[in-house]
Amino acid sequence: QVQLVESGGGLVKAGDSLRLSCATSGTVYGNYVWAWFRQAPGKEREFVAGVNWRGIEIDYADSVKGRFTISKDNWKTIIFLQMNNLKPEDTATYYCAVRADFSRKPDYDFWGQGTQVIVSS
């Protein structure tokens, strides 16, 4: 079974930066991907960024392109989300997830518990 643990959230001001981390353990098979989702109060959970296990195929939501960067460590056991130029609309709980194939829908097989990001004006 795959285990995911997020960390790095916090309270920041608009224009600041944060780096989220997702520590992974266990084994998955196939062309699996890691992804970040976020969910704000009263809204649906939405896709933020994803990376294929090979580290070559990367996808970003239009709302974060040019500001957020998803990456992995050398052993592919930790996934990062570098968030620059944060905006109040980025306020949400951020979740790490794993799926056998890439998807932008929140139908992934494994999820972490989430880490909260609050951006004040």
C-alpha atoms as a PDB file:
ATOM      1  CA  GLN A   1       0.000   0.000   0.000  1.00  0.00           C
ATOM      2  CA  VAL A   2       1.199   3.517  -0.845  1.00  0.00           C
ATOM      3  CA  GLN A   3       1.485   6.080   1.958  1.00  0.00           C
ATOM      4  CA  LEU A   4       1.593   9.843   1.332  1.00  0.00           C
ATOM      5  CA  VAL A   5       2.424  12.573   3.869  1.00  0.00           C
ATOM      6  CA  GLU A   6       2.300  16.277   2.961  1.00  0.00           C
ATOM      7  CA  SER A   7       4.081  19.101   4.773  1.00  0.00           C
ATOM      8  CA  GLY A   8       5.166  22.715   4.262  1.00  0.00           C
ATOM      9  CA  GLY A   9       1.894  24.628   4.416  1.00  0.00           C
ATOM     10  CA  GLY A  10       1.454  27.820   6.399  1.00  0.00           C
ATOM     11  CA  LEU A  11       0.216  31.401   6.587  1.00  0.00           C
ATOM     12  CA  VAL A  12       1.892  33.838   4.173  1.00  0.00           C
ATOM     13  CA  LYS A  13       1.278  37.203   2.534  1.00  0.00           C
ATOM     14  CA  ALA A  14       0.491  37.780  -1.125  1.00  0.00           C
ATOM     15  CA  GLY A  15       3.675  37.607  -3.200  1.00  0.00           C
ATOM     16  CA  ASP A  16       5.450  35.234  -0.802  1.00  0.00           C
ATOM     17  CA  SER A  17       6.647  31.702  -1.597  1.00  0.00           C
ATOM     18  CA  LEU A  18       6.156  28.257  -0.066  1.00  0.00           C
ATOM     19  CA  ARG A  19       7.495  24.793  -0.868  1.00  0.00           C
ATOM     20  CA  LEU A  20       5.240  21.830  -0.184  1.00  0.00           C
ATOM     21  CA  SER A  21       6.659  18.321   0.233  1.00  0.00           C
ATOM     22  CA  CYS A  22       5.043  14.915  -0.245  1.00  0.00           C
ATOM     23  CA  ALA A  23       6.905  11.960   1.251  1.00  0.00           C
ATOM     24  CA  THR A  24       5.931   8.634  -0.336  1.00  0.00           C
ATOM     25  CA  SER A  25       6.426   5.007   0.671  1.00  0.00           C
ATOM     26  CA  GLY A  26       5.272   1.640  -0.660  1.00  0.00           C
ATOM     27  CA  THR A  27       5.181   0.308  -4.220  1.00  0.00           C
ATOM     28  CA  VAL A  28       2.963   1.080  -7.213  1.00  0.00           C
ATOM     29  CA  TYR A  29       3.041  -0.528 -10.666  1.00  0.00           C
ATOM     30  CA  GLY A  30       2.448   0.667 -14.191  1.00  0.00           C
ATOM     31  CA  ASN A  31       2.801   4.139 -15.676  1.00  0.00           C
ATOM     32  CA  TYR A  32       1.876   5.855 -12.407  1.00  0.00           C
ATOM     33  CA  VAL A  33       1.910   9.599 -11.729  1.00  0.00           C
ATOM     34  CA  TRP A  34       2.113  11.896  -8.722  1.00  0.00           C
ATOM     35  CA  ALA A  35      -0.135  14.938  -8.575  1.00  0.00           C
ATOM     36  CA  TRP A  36      -1.080  17.885  -6.383  1.00  0.00           C
ATOM     37  CA  PHE A  37      -4.709  18.887  -5.880  1.00  0.00           C
ATOM     38  CA  ARG A  38      -6.221  21.647  -3.778  1.00  0.00           C
ATOM     39  CA  GLN A  39      -9.607  22.329  -2.240  1.00  0.00           C
ATOM     40  CA  ALA A  40     -10.836  25.685  -0.947  1.00  0.00           C
ATOM     41  CA  PRO A  41     -13.835  26.055   1.390  1.00  0.00           C
ATOM     42  CA  GLY A  42     -17.080  25.660  -0.543  1.00  0.00           C
ATOM     43  CA  LYS A  43     -15.321  24.582  -3.752  1.00  0.00           C
ATOM     44  CA  GLU A  44     -14.590  21.306  -5.521  1.00  0.00           C
ATOM     45  CA  ARG A  45     -11.190  19.667  -5.302  1.00  0.00           C
ATOM     46  CA  GLU A  46      -9.168  20.807  -8.337  1.00  0.00           C
ATOM     47  CA  PHE A  47      -6.033  19.679 -10.138  1.00  0.00           C
ATOM     48  CA  VAL A  48      -2.874  21.758  -9.631  1.00  0.00           C
ATOM     49  CA  ALA A  49       0.104  19.865 -11.095  1.00  0.00           C
ATOM     50  CA  GLY A  50       1.209  16.340 -12.002  1.00  0.00           C
ATOM     51  CA  VAL A  51       4.410  14.503 -12.968  1.00  0.00           C
ATOM     52  CA  ASN A  52       4.894  11.083 -14.569  1.00  0.00           C
ATOM     53  CA  TRP A  53       7.100   8.473 -12.841  1.00  0.00           C
ATOM     54  CA  ARG A  54       9.749   9.021 -15.518  1.00  0.00           C
ATOM     55  CA  GLY A  55       9.960  12.700 -14.547  1.00  0.00           C
ATOM     56  CA  ILE A  56       9.534  13.858 -18.150  1.00  0.00           C
ATOM     57  CA  GLU A  57       5.784  14.318 -18.558  1.00  0.00           C
ATOM     58  CA  ILE A  58       4.596  17.300 -16.494  1.00  0.00           C
ATOM     59  CA  ASP A  59       1.241  19.071 -16.486  1.00  0.00           C
ATOM     60  CA  TYR A  60       0.016  22.257 -14.760  1.00  0.00           C
ATOM     61  CA  ALA A  61      -3.347  23.874 -14.299  1.00  0.00           C
ATOM     62  CA  ASP A  62      -3.617  27.152 -16.203  1.00  0.00           C
ATOM     63  CA  SER A  63      -4.123  29.073 -12.952  1.00  0.00           C
ATOM     64  CA  VAL A  64      -0.636  28.160 -11.656  1.00  0.00           C
ATOM     65  CA  LYS A  65       1.494  28.029 -14.818  1.00  0.00           C
ATOM     66  CA  GLY A  66       4.582  30.201 -14.472  1.00  0.00           C
ATOM     67  CA  ARG A  67       4.232  30.370 -10.681  1.00  0.00           C
ATOM     68  CA  PHE A  68       4.266  26.757  -9.417  1.00  0.00           C
ATOM     69  CA  THR A  69       6.821  24.019 -10.143  1.00  0.00           C
ATOM     70  CA  ILE A  70       6.459  20.293  -9.438  1.00  0.00           C
ATOM     71  CA  SER A  71       9.613  18.198  -9.014  1.00  0.00           C
ATOM     72  CA  LYS A  72      11.014  14.993  -7.468  1.00  0.00           C
ATOM     73  CA  ASP A  73      14.156  14.029  -5.562  1.00  0.00           C
ATOM     74  CA  ASN A  74      16.774  11.718  -7.083  1.00  0.00           C
ATOM     75  CA  TRP A  75      15.208   8.546  -5.646  1.00  0.00           C
ATOM     76  CA  LYS A  76      11.646   9.620  -6.520  1.00  0.00           C
ATOM     77  CA  THR A  77      10.488   9.226  -2.929  1.00  0.00           C
ATOM     78  CA  ILE A  78       9.702  12.907  -2.280  1.00  0.00           C
ATOM     79  CA  ILE A  79       7.601  15.152  -4.522  1.00  0.00           C
ATOM     80  CA  PHE A  80       7.775  18.939  -4.179  1.00  0.00           C
ATOM     81  CA  LEU A  81       5.525  21.803  -5.163  1.00  0.00           C
ATOM     82  CA  GLN A  82       7.381  25.124  -5.258  1.00  0.00           C
ATOM     83  CA  MET A  83       4.815  27.932  -5.097  1.00  0.00           C
ATOM     84  CA  ASN A  84       5.980  31.451  -5.988  1.00  0.00           C
ATOM     85  CA  ASN A  85       4.093  34.751  -6.146  1.00  0.00           C
ATOM     86  CA  LEU A  86       1.243  33.370  -4.081  1.00  0.00           C
ATOM     87  CA  LYS A  87      -2.171  34.991  -4.378  1.00  0.00           C
ATOM     88  CA  PRO A  88      -5.149  35.022  -1.982  1.00  0.00           C
ATOM     89  CA  GLU A  89      -7.016  32.759  -4.436  1.00  0.00           C
ATOM     90  CA  ASP A  90      -4.350  30.087  -3.827  1.00  0.00           C
ATOM     91  CA  THR A  91      -5.705  29.653  -0.292  1.00  0.00           C
ATOM     92  CA  ALA A  92      -6.729  25.996   0.071  1.00  0.00           C
ATOM     93  CA  THR A  93      -5.835  22.647   1.550  1.00  0.00           C
ATOM     94  CA  TYR A  94      -3.276  20.987  -0.742  1.00  0.00           C
ATOM     95  CA  TYR A  95      -3.259  17.216  -1.243  1.00  0.00           C
ATOM     96  CA  CYS A  96      -0.714  14.839  -2.749  1.00  0.00           C
ATOM     97  CA  ALA A  97      -2.073  11.880  -4.751  1.00  0.00           C
ATOM     98  CA  VAL A  98      -0.942   8.855  -6.799  1.00  0.00           C
ATOM     99  CA  ARG A  99      -2.667   7.148  -9.751  1.00  0.00           C
ATOM    100  CA  ALA A 100      -1.699   4.420 -12.228  1.00  0.00           C
ATOM    101  CA  ASP A 101      -2.397   6.759 -15.177  1.00  0.00           C
ATOM    102  CA  PHE A 102      -2.518  10.513 -15.494  1.00  0.00           C
ATOM    103  CA  SER A 103      -5.803  12.293 -14.802  1.00  0.00           C
ATOM    104  CA  ARG A 104      -6.926  15.816 -13.967  1.00  0.00           C
ATOM    105  CA  LYS A 105      -9.969  14.519 -12.106  1.00  0.00           C
ATOM    106  CA  PRO A 106      -9.847  13.839  -8.333  1.00  0.00           C
ATOM    107  CA  ASP A 107     -10.206  10.072  -8.836  1.00  0.00           C
ATOM    108  CA  TYR A 108      -6.713   9.042  -7.734  1.00  0.00           C
ATOM    109  CA  ASP A 109      -5.993   5.784  -5.924  1.00  0.00           C
ATOM    110  CA  PHE A 110      -4.060   7.139  -2.921  1.00  0.00           C
ATOM    111  CA  TRP A 111      -4.256  10.441  -1.039  1.00  0.00           C
ATOM    112  CA  GLY A 112      -2.417  12.199   1.757  1.00  0.00           C
ATOM    113  CA  GLN A 113      -4.161  14.029   4.603  1.00  0.00           C
ATOM    114  CA  GLY A 114      -3.438  17.483   3.167  1.00  0.00           C
ATOM    115  CA  THR A 115      -1.557  20.596   4.264  1.00  0.00           C
ATOM    116  CA  GLN A 116      -3.225  24.003   4.631  1.00  0.00           C
ATOM    117  CA  VAL A 117      -2.041  27.096   2.764  1.00  0.00           C
ATOM    118  CA  ILE A 118      -3.458  30.525   3.661  1.00  0.00           C
ATOM    119  CA  VAL A 119      -2.471  33.598   1.646  1.00  0.00           C
ATOM    120  CA  SER A 120      -3.478  36.972   3.085  1.00  0.00           C
ATOM    121  CA  SER A 121      -3.704  40.245   1.176  1.00  0.00           C
END
